Amino acid sequence: MLPGLLGVLTGATLIGVGTGLITPLGFAALAAGTPQERHVRLRRTRPAAGLGPLLALRRRAA
């Protein structure tokens, strides 16, 4: 074990790198196991979740 500040920084770096590698792999595995019809539905609804008010105004104007 590394003592003091060096140990804390090394540990934090290793945890961050591990999280950065595992997260995309986990999401890729989830996406691979999701039925195709669910992907289509998510593509339709996902933008509206974050931009709902803006998209609603844009649709009304069109």
N, C-alpha and C. Protein backbone atom coordinates (compact mmCIF):
# COMPACT_ATOMS: atom_id res chain seq x y z
N MET A 1 0.84 -1.19 0.00
CA MET A 1 0.00 0.00 0.00
C MET A 1 0.87 1.24 0.00
N LEU A 2 0.38 2.25 -0.69
CA LEU A 2 1.10 3.52 -0.72
C LEU A 2 0.56 4.43 0.38
N PRO A 3 1.45 5.08 1.10
CA PRO A 3 1.00 5.93 2.20
C PRO A 3 0.59 7.33 1.74
N GLY A 4 -0.29 7.94 2.51
CA GLY A 4 -0.61 9.35 2.38
C GLY A 4 -1.28 9.77 1.09
N LEU A 5 -0.95 10.97 0.67
CA LEU A 5 -1.57 11.60 -0.49
C LEU A 5 -1.31 10.81 -1.78
N LEU A 6 -0.11 10.27 -1.92
CA LEU A 6 0.21 9.48 -3.10
C LEU A 6 -0.70 8.25 -3.21
N GLY A 7 -0.97 7.61 -2.11
CA GLY A 7 -1.87 6.45 -2.10
C GLY A 7 -3.29 6.83 -2.47
N VAL A 8 -3.77 7.94 -1.94
CA VAL A 8 -5.12 8.40 -2.24
C VAL A 8 -5.25 8.76 -3.72
N LEU A 9 -4.28 9.49 -4.26
CA LEU A 9 -4.32 9.88 -5.67
C LEU A 9 -4.21 8.67 -6.59
N THR A 10 -3.34 7.72 -6.23
CA THR A 10 -3.20 6.51 -7.04
C THR A 10 -4.49 5.70 -7.01
N GLY A 11 -5.07 5.55 -5.84
CA GLY A 11 -6.33 4.82 -5.72
C GLY A 11 -7.45 5.48 -6.49
N ALA A 12 -7.56 6.79 -6.39
CA ALA A 12 -8.60 7.52 -7.11
C ALA A 12 -8.42 7.40 -8.62
N THR A 13 -7.17 7.44 -9.07
CA THR A 13 -6.89 7.30 -10.50
C THR A 13 -7.28 5.91 -10.99
N LEU A 14 -6.92 4.88 -10.25
CA LEU A 14 -7.25 3.51 -10.63
C LEU A 14 -8.77 3.28 -10.65
N ILE A 15 -9.45 3.82 -9.67
CA ILE A 15 -10.92 3.69 -9.63
C ILE A 15 -11.54 4.41 -10.83
N GLY A 16 -11.06 5.61 -11.13
CA GLY A 16 -11.58 6.36 -12.26
C GLY A 16 -11.35 5.67 -13.59
N VAL A 17 -10.15 5.12 -13.78
CA VAL A 17 -9.84 4.41 -15.02
C VAL A 17 -10.70 3.15 -15.12
N GLY A 18 -10.84 2.43 -14.03
CA GLY A 18 -11.67 1.22 -14.04
C GLY A 18 -13.12 1.53 -14.36
N THR A 19 -13.64 2.57 -13.76
CA THR A 19 -15.02 2.98 -14.03
C THR A 19 -15.18 3.43 -15.48
N GLY A 20 -14.20 4.15 -15.98
CA GLY A 20 -14.24 4.62 -17.35
C GLY A 20 -14.20 3.49 -18.37
N LEU A 21 -13.57 2.37 -18.01
CA LEU A 21 -13.52 1.22 -18.91
C LEU A 21 -14.75 0.33 -18.79
N ILE A 22 -15.23 0.14 -17.58
CA ILE A 22 -16.34 -0.78 -17.34
C ILE A 22 -17.68 -0.20 -17.81
N THR A 23 -17.90 1.09 -17.63
CA THR A 23 -19.20 1.69 -17.96
C THR A 23 -19.59 1.50 -19.43
N PRO A 24 -18.73 1.85 -20.39
CA PRO A 24 -19.14 1.64 -21.78
C PRO A 24 -19.35 0.17 -22.12
N LEU A 25 -18.55 -0.70 -21.52
CA LEU A 25 -18.72 -2.14 -21.77
C LEU A 25 -20.05 -2.63 -21.23
N GLY A 26 -20.44 -2.14 -20.07
CA GLY A 26 -21.73 -2.52 -19.49
C GLY A 26 -22.90 -2.04 -20.34
N PHE A 27 -22.83 -0.80 -20.81
CA PHE A 27 -23.91 -0.29 -21.65
C PHE A 27 -23.95 -1.01 -22.99
N ALA A 28 -22.79 -1.37 -23.53
CA ALA A 28 -22.77 -2.13 -24.78
C ALA A 28 -23.41 -3.49 -24.59
N ALA A 29 -23.15 -4.13 -23.46
CA ALA A 29 -23.77 -5.43 -23.18
C ALA A 29 -25.28 -5.29 -23.03
N LEU A 30 -25.73 -4.25 -22.37
CA LEU A 30 -27.17 -4.01 -22.23
C LEU A 30 -27.81 -3.76 -23.59
N ALA A 31 -27.17 -2.97 -24.42
CA ALA A 31 -27.71 -2.67 -25.74
C ALA A 31 -27.77 -3.91 -26.61
N ALA A 32 -26.76 -4.77 -26.49
CA ALA A 32 -26.74 -5.99 -27.30
C ALA A 32 -27.86 -6.94 -26.90
N GLY A 33 -28.26 -6.90 -25.64
CA GLY A 33 -29.31 -7.79 -25.17
C GLY A 33 -30.72 -7.23 -25.27
N THR A 34 -30.84 -6.01 -25.78
CA THR A 34 -32.15 -5.37 -25.89
C THR A 34 -32.78 -5.69 -27.24
N PRO A 35 -34.05 -6.07 -27.27
CA PRO A 35 -34.72 -6.35 -28.54
C PRO A 35 -34.71 -5.13 -29.46
N GLN A 36 -34.68 -5.36 -30.77
CA GLN A 36 -34.58 -4.28 -31.75
C GLN A 36 -35.75 -3.31 -31.66
N GLU A 37 -36.97 -3.81 -31.39
CA GLU A 37 -38.12 -2.89 -31.32
C GLU A 37 -37.97 -1.89 -30.19
N ARG A 38 -37.31 -2.28 -29.13
CA ARG A 38 -37.06 -1.36 -28.01
C ARG A 38 -36.10 -0.25 -28.44
N HIS A 39 -35.09 -0.59 -29.26
CA HIS A 39 -34.16 0.42 -29.76
C HIS A 39 -34.90 1.48 -30.58
N VAL A 40 -35.82 1.03 -31.41
CA VAL A 40 -36.58 1.97 -32.24
C VAL A 40 -37.40 2.90 -31.38
N ARG A 41 -38.06 2.35 -30.35
CA ARG A 41 -38.86 3.18 -29.44
C ARG A 41 -37.98 4.17 -28.69
N LEU A 42 -36.81 3.74 -28.25
CA LEU A 42 -35.92 4.64 -27.52
C LEU A 42 -35.43 5.77 -28.42
N ARG A 43 -35.15 5.47 -29.67
CA ARG A 43 -34.71 6.53 -30.59
C ARG A 43 -35.78 7.58 -30.78
N ARG A 44 -37.03 7.16 -30.74
CA ARG A 44 -38.13 8.11 -30.91
C ARG A 44 -38.34 8.94 -29.65
N THR A 45 -38.20 8.35 -28.48
CA THR A 45 -38.56 9.05 -27.25
C THR A 45 -37.40 9.70 -26.53
N ARG A 46 -36.19 9.21 -26.72
CA ARG A 46 -35.06 9.73 -25.96
C ARG A 46 -34.81 11.21 -26.18
N PRO A 47 -34.78 11.72 -27.41
CA PRO A 47 -34.55 13.16 -27.57
C PRO A 47 -35.62 14.00 -26.89
N ALA A 48 -36.84 13.52 -26.89
CA ALA A 48 -37.92 14.29 -26.28
C ALA A 48 -37.75 14.38 -24.77
N ALA A 49 -37.07 13.42 -24.17
CA ALA A 49 -36.89 13.45 -22.72
C ALA A 49 -36.03 14.65 -22.30
N GLY A 50 -34.97 14.92 -23.04
CA GLY A 50 -34.08 16.01 -22.68
C GLY A 50 -34.48 17.34 -23.29
N LEU A 51 -35.10 17.30 -24.43
CA LEU A 51 -35.43 18.53 -25.15
C LEU A 51 -36.93 18.69 -25.34
N GLY A 52 -37.70 18.04 -24.52
CA GLY A 52 -39.15 18.02 -24.65
C GLY A 52 -39.79 19.38 -24.90
N PRO A 53 -39.55 20.34 -24.05
CA PRO A 53 -40.19 21.65 -24.25
C PRO A 53 -39.78 22.30 -25.57
N LEU A 54 -38.50 22.19 -25.93
CA LEU A 54 -38.05 22.81 -27.18
C LEU A 54 -38.64 22.11 -28.39
N LEU A 55 -38.69 20.77 -28.34
CA LEU A 55 -39.25 20.03 -29.46
C LEU A 55 -40.75 20.30 -29.59
N ALA A 56 -41.43 20.44 -28.49
CA ALA A 56 -42.87 20.71 -28.54
C ALA A 56 -43.13 22.06 -29.19
N LEU A 57 -42.35 23.05 -28.87
CA LEU A 57 -42.51 24.36 -29.48
C LEU A 57 -42.18 24.31 -30.97
N ARG A 58 -41.15 23.55 -31.31
CA ARG A 58 -40.75 23.45 -32.72
C ARG A 58 -41.84 22.74 -33.54
N ARG A 59 -42.45 21.71 -32.97
CA ARG A 59 -43.50 20.98 -33.68
C ARG A 59 -44.73 21.86 -33.89
N ARG A 60 -45.05 22.70 -32.91
CA ARG A 60 -46.21 23.57 -33.04
C ARG A 60 -45.97 24.62 -34.12
N ALA A 61 -44.75 25.09 -34.23
CA ALA A 61 -44.43 26.12 -35.21
C ALA A 61 -44.42 25.56 -36.64
N ALA A 62 -44.13 24.28 -36.78
CA ALA A 62 -44.01 23.68 -38.13
C ALA A 62 -45.34 23.39 -38.76
